[in-house]
N, C-alpha and C. Protein backbone atom coordinates (compact mmCIF):
# COMPACT_ATOMS: atom_id res chain seq x y z
N MET A 1 63.64 -10.65 5.65
CA MET A 1 62.29 -11.14 5.53
C MET A 1 61.42 -10.81 6.74
N THR A 2 62.04 -10.43 7.83
CA THR A 2 61.26 -10.11 9.03
C THR A 2 61.21 -8.61 9.23
N GLU A 3 60.62 -7.91 8.27
CA GLU A 3 60.52 -6.46 8.39
C GLU A 3 59.35 -6.10 9.32
N GLN A 4 59.52 -5.01 10.03
CA GLN A 4 58.49 -4.57 10.98
C GLN A 4 57.52 -3.63 10.27
N ARG A 5 56.23 -3.90 10.40
CA ARG A 5 55.22 -3.06 9.76
C ARG A 5 54.66 -2.10 10.81
N THR A 6 54.33 -0.93 10.38
CA THR A 6 53.73 0.06 11.27
C THR A 6 52.49 0.64 10.60
N LEU A 7 51.58 1.12 11.42
CA LEU A 7 50.36 1.76 10.92
C LEU A 7 50.49 3.27 11.10
N THR A 8 49.99 4.00 10.12
CA THR A 8 49.97 5.46 10.24
C THR A 8 48.72 5.85 11.02
N ASP A 9 48.67 7.11 11.41
CA ASP A 9 47.49 7.61 12.11
C ASP A 9 46.25 7.50 11.23
N GLU A 10 46.42 7.71 9.95
CA GLU A 10 45.28 7.59 9.02
C GLU A 10 44.78 6.15 8.94
N ASP A 11 45.70 5.19 8.97
CA ASP A 11 45.31 3.78 8.97
C ASP A 11 44.49 3.43 10.20
N VAL A 12 44.97 3.88 11.35
CA VAL A 12 44.27 3.62 12.61
C VAL A 12 42.90 4.27 12.60
N ALA A 13 42.82 5.52 12.12
CA ALA A 13 41.54 6.22 12.07
C ALA A 13 40.56 5.49 11.15
N ALA A 14 41.03 4.97 10.02
CA ALA A 14 40.16 4.24 9.09
C ALA A 14 39.68 2.94 9.72
N ILE A 15 40.56 2.24 10.43
CA ILE A 15 40.17 0.99 11.09
C ILE A 15 39.12 1.26 12.15
N VAL A 16 39.35 2.28 12.98
CA VAL A 16 38.42 2.61 14.05
C VAL A 16 37.07 3.04 13.47
N SER A 17 37.10 3.84 12.42
CA SER A 17 35.85 4.29 11.79
C SER A 17 35.03 3.12 11.28
N LYS A 18 35.69 2.19 10.59
CA LYS A 18 34.99 1.02 10.05
C LYS A 18 34.45 0.15 11.18
N LEU A 19 35.22 0.00 12.26
CA LEU A 19 34.79 -0.80 13.39
C LEU A 19 33.56 -0.18 14.07
N GLU A 20 33.57 1.14 14.24
CA GLU A 20 32.41 1.82 14.82
C GLU A 20 31.17 1.63 13.94
N GLU A 21 31.35 1.70 12.64
CA GLU A 21 30.24 1.52 11.70
C GLU A 21 29.65 0.11 11.82
N ARG A 22 30.51 -0.89 11.90
CA ARG A 22 30.04 -2.28 12.00
C ARG A 22 29.35 -2.53 13.33
N ILE A 23 29.87 -1.96 14.41
CA ILE A 23 29.26 -2.15 15.73
C ILE A 23 27.88 -1.51 15.76
N ALA A 24 27.76 -0.29 15.22
CA ALA A 24 26.47 0.39 15.19
C ALA A 24 25.47 -0.38 14.34
N GLN A 25 25.90 -0.89 13.19
CA GLN A 25 25.01 -1.64 12.31
C GLN A 25 24.51 -2.90 13.01
N LYS A 26 25.40 -3.62 13.67
CA LYS A 26 25.02 -4.84 14.38
C LYS A 26 24.06 -4.52 15.53
N PHE A 27 24.31 -3.42 16.22
CA PHE A 27 23.43 -3.01 17.32
C PHE A 27 22.01 -2.76 16.82
N TYR A 28 21.87 -2.02 15.72
CA TYR A 28 20.54 -1.70 15.21
C TYR A 28 19.83 -2.92 14.63
N VAL A 29 20.58 -3.84 14.05
CA VAL A 29 19.98 -5.08 13.55
C VAL A 29 19.46 -5.90 14.73
N ASP A 30 20.27 -6.02 15.78
CA ASP A 30 19.84 -6.76 16.97
C ASP A 30 18.66 -6.09 17.65
N LEU A 31 18.65 -4.77 17.68
CA LEU A 31 17.54 -4.02 18.26
C LEU A 31 16.26 -4.29 17.49
N GLY A 32 16.35 -4.28 16.17
CA GLY A 32 15.17 -4.55 15.34
C GLY A 32 14.64 -5.95 15.56
N LYS A 33 15.54 -6.92 15.67
CA LYS A 33 15.11 -8.30 15.94
C LYS A 33 14.42 -8.39 17.28
N GLY A 34 14.92 -7.68 18.26
CA GLY A 34 14.32 -7.69 19.60
C GLY A 34 12.93 -7.08 19.60
N LEU A 35 12.76 -6.00 18.86
CA LEU A 35 11.44 -5.36 18.80
C LEU A 35 10.43 -6.25 18.09
N TRP A 36 10.85 -6.87 16.97
CA TRP A 36 9.93 -7.77 16.26
C TRP A 36 9.59 -8.98 17.13
N GLY A 37 10.54 -9.45 17.90
CA GLY A 37 10.28 -10.56 18.82
C GLY A 37 9.24 -10.18 19.86
N ALA A 38 9.34 -8.97 20.37
CA ALA A 38 8.38 -8.49 21.36
C ALA A 38 6.99 -8.36 20.75
N VAL A 39 6.92 -7.88 19.51
CA VAL A 39 5.63 -7.75 18.82
C VAL A 39 5.00 -9.13 18.63
N TRP A 40 5.78 -10.11 18.19
CA TRP A 40 5.23 -11.45 17.98
C TRP A 40 4.77 -12.06 19.30
N ARG A 41 5.54 -11.87 20.38
CA ARG A 41 5.12 -12.40 21.69
C ARG A 41 3.82 -11.75 22.14
N GLY A 42 3.69 -10.44 21.87
CA GLY A 42 2.47 -9.74 22.23
C GLY A 42 1.27 -10.25 21.45
N LEU A 43 1.44 -10.47 20.15
CA LEU A 43 0.34 -11.01 19.34
C LEU A 43 -0.04 -12.42 19.79
N PHE A 44 0.95 -13.21 20.13
CA PHE A 44 0.68 -14.57 20.61
C PHE A 44 -0.08 -14.53 21.94
N ALA A 45 0.31 -13.62 22.83
CA ALA A 45 -0.38 -13.48 24.12
C ALA A 45 -1.83 -13.06 23.91
N ILE A 46 -2.07 -12.14 22.99
CA ILE A 46 -3.44 -11.69 22.71
C ILE A 46 -4.27 -12.86 22.16
N ALA A 47 -3.68 -13.65 21.27
CA ALA A 47 -4.40 -14.80 20.73
C ALA A 47 -4.73 -15.80 21.83
N LEU A 48 -3.80 -16.03 22.75
CA LEU A 48 -4.08 -16.95 23.87
C LEU A 48 -5.18 -16.41 24.78
N ILE A 49 -5.16 -15.11 25.04
CA ILE A 49 -6.20 -14.51 25.89
C ILE A 49 -7.56 -14.63 25.23
N LEU A 50 -7.63 -14.37 23.93
CA LEU A 50 -8.90 -14.51 23.21
C LEU A 50 -9.39 -15.96 23.21
N ALA A 51 -8.48 -16.89 23.05
CA ALA A 51 -8.86 -18.30 23.07
C ALA A 51 -9.36 -18.71 24.45
N ALA A 52 -8.70 -18.25 25.49
CA ALA A 52 -9.13 -18.57 26.85
C ALA A 52 -10.48 -17.93 27.15
N TYR A 53 -10.68 -16.71 26.71
CA TYR A 53 -11.97 -16.05 26.90
C TYR A 53 -13.08 -16.80 26.18
N GLY A 54 -12.82 -17.21 24.96
CA GLY A 54 -13.82 -17.96 24.21
C GLY A 54 -14.11 -19.30 24.86
N ALA A 55 -13.10 -19.96 25.38
CA ALA A 55 -13.30 -21.26 26.03
C ALA A 55 -14.07 -21.09 27.34
N ALA A 56 -13.78 -20.04 28.08
CA ALA A 56 -14.46 -19.82 29.37
C ALA A 56 -15.91 -19.40 29.15
N LYS A 57 -16.16 -18.64 28.12
CA LYS A 57 -17.52 -18.16 27.84
C LYS A 57 -18.40 -19.30 27.35
N GLY A 58 -17.81 -20.22 26.63
CA GLY A 58 -18.56 -21.36 26.13
C GLY A 58 -19.34 -21.04 24.87
N VAL A 59 -19.96 -22.05 24.32
CA VAL A 59 -20.74 -21.89 23.10
C VAL A 59 -22.18 -21.67 23.51
N PRO A 60 -22.82 -20.59 23.04
CA PRO A 60 -24.24 -20.35 23.41
C PRO A 60 -25.16 -21.43 22.83
N GLN A 61 -26.17 -21.75 23.58
CA GLN A 61 -27.08 -22.82 23.13
C GLN A 61 -28.42 -22.28 22.74
């Protein structure tokens, strides 16, 4: 019942290939999330700058 299992070179190559694919996919997903986060922070900063400019300029009378 305690037989020893071994992997062939093809098994190892398939495992490594799948692992590389998953790592690359996760990297690009994380990269995309980071870029969208930067875009949202930039839009928020622009909105704050416009609000501060409007508040400093005041309402014309």
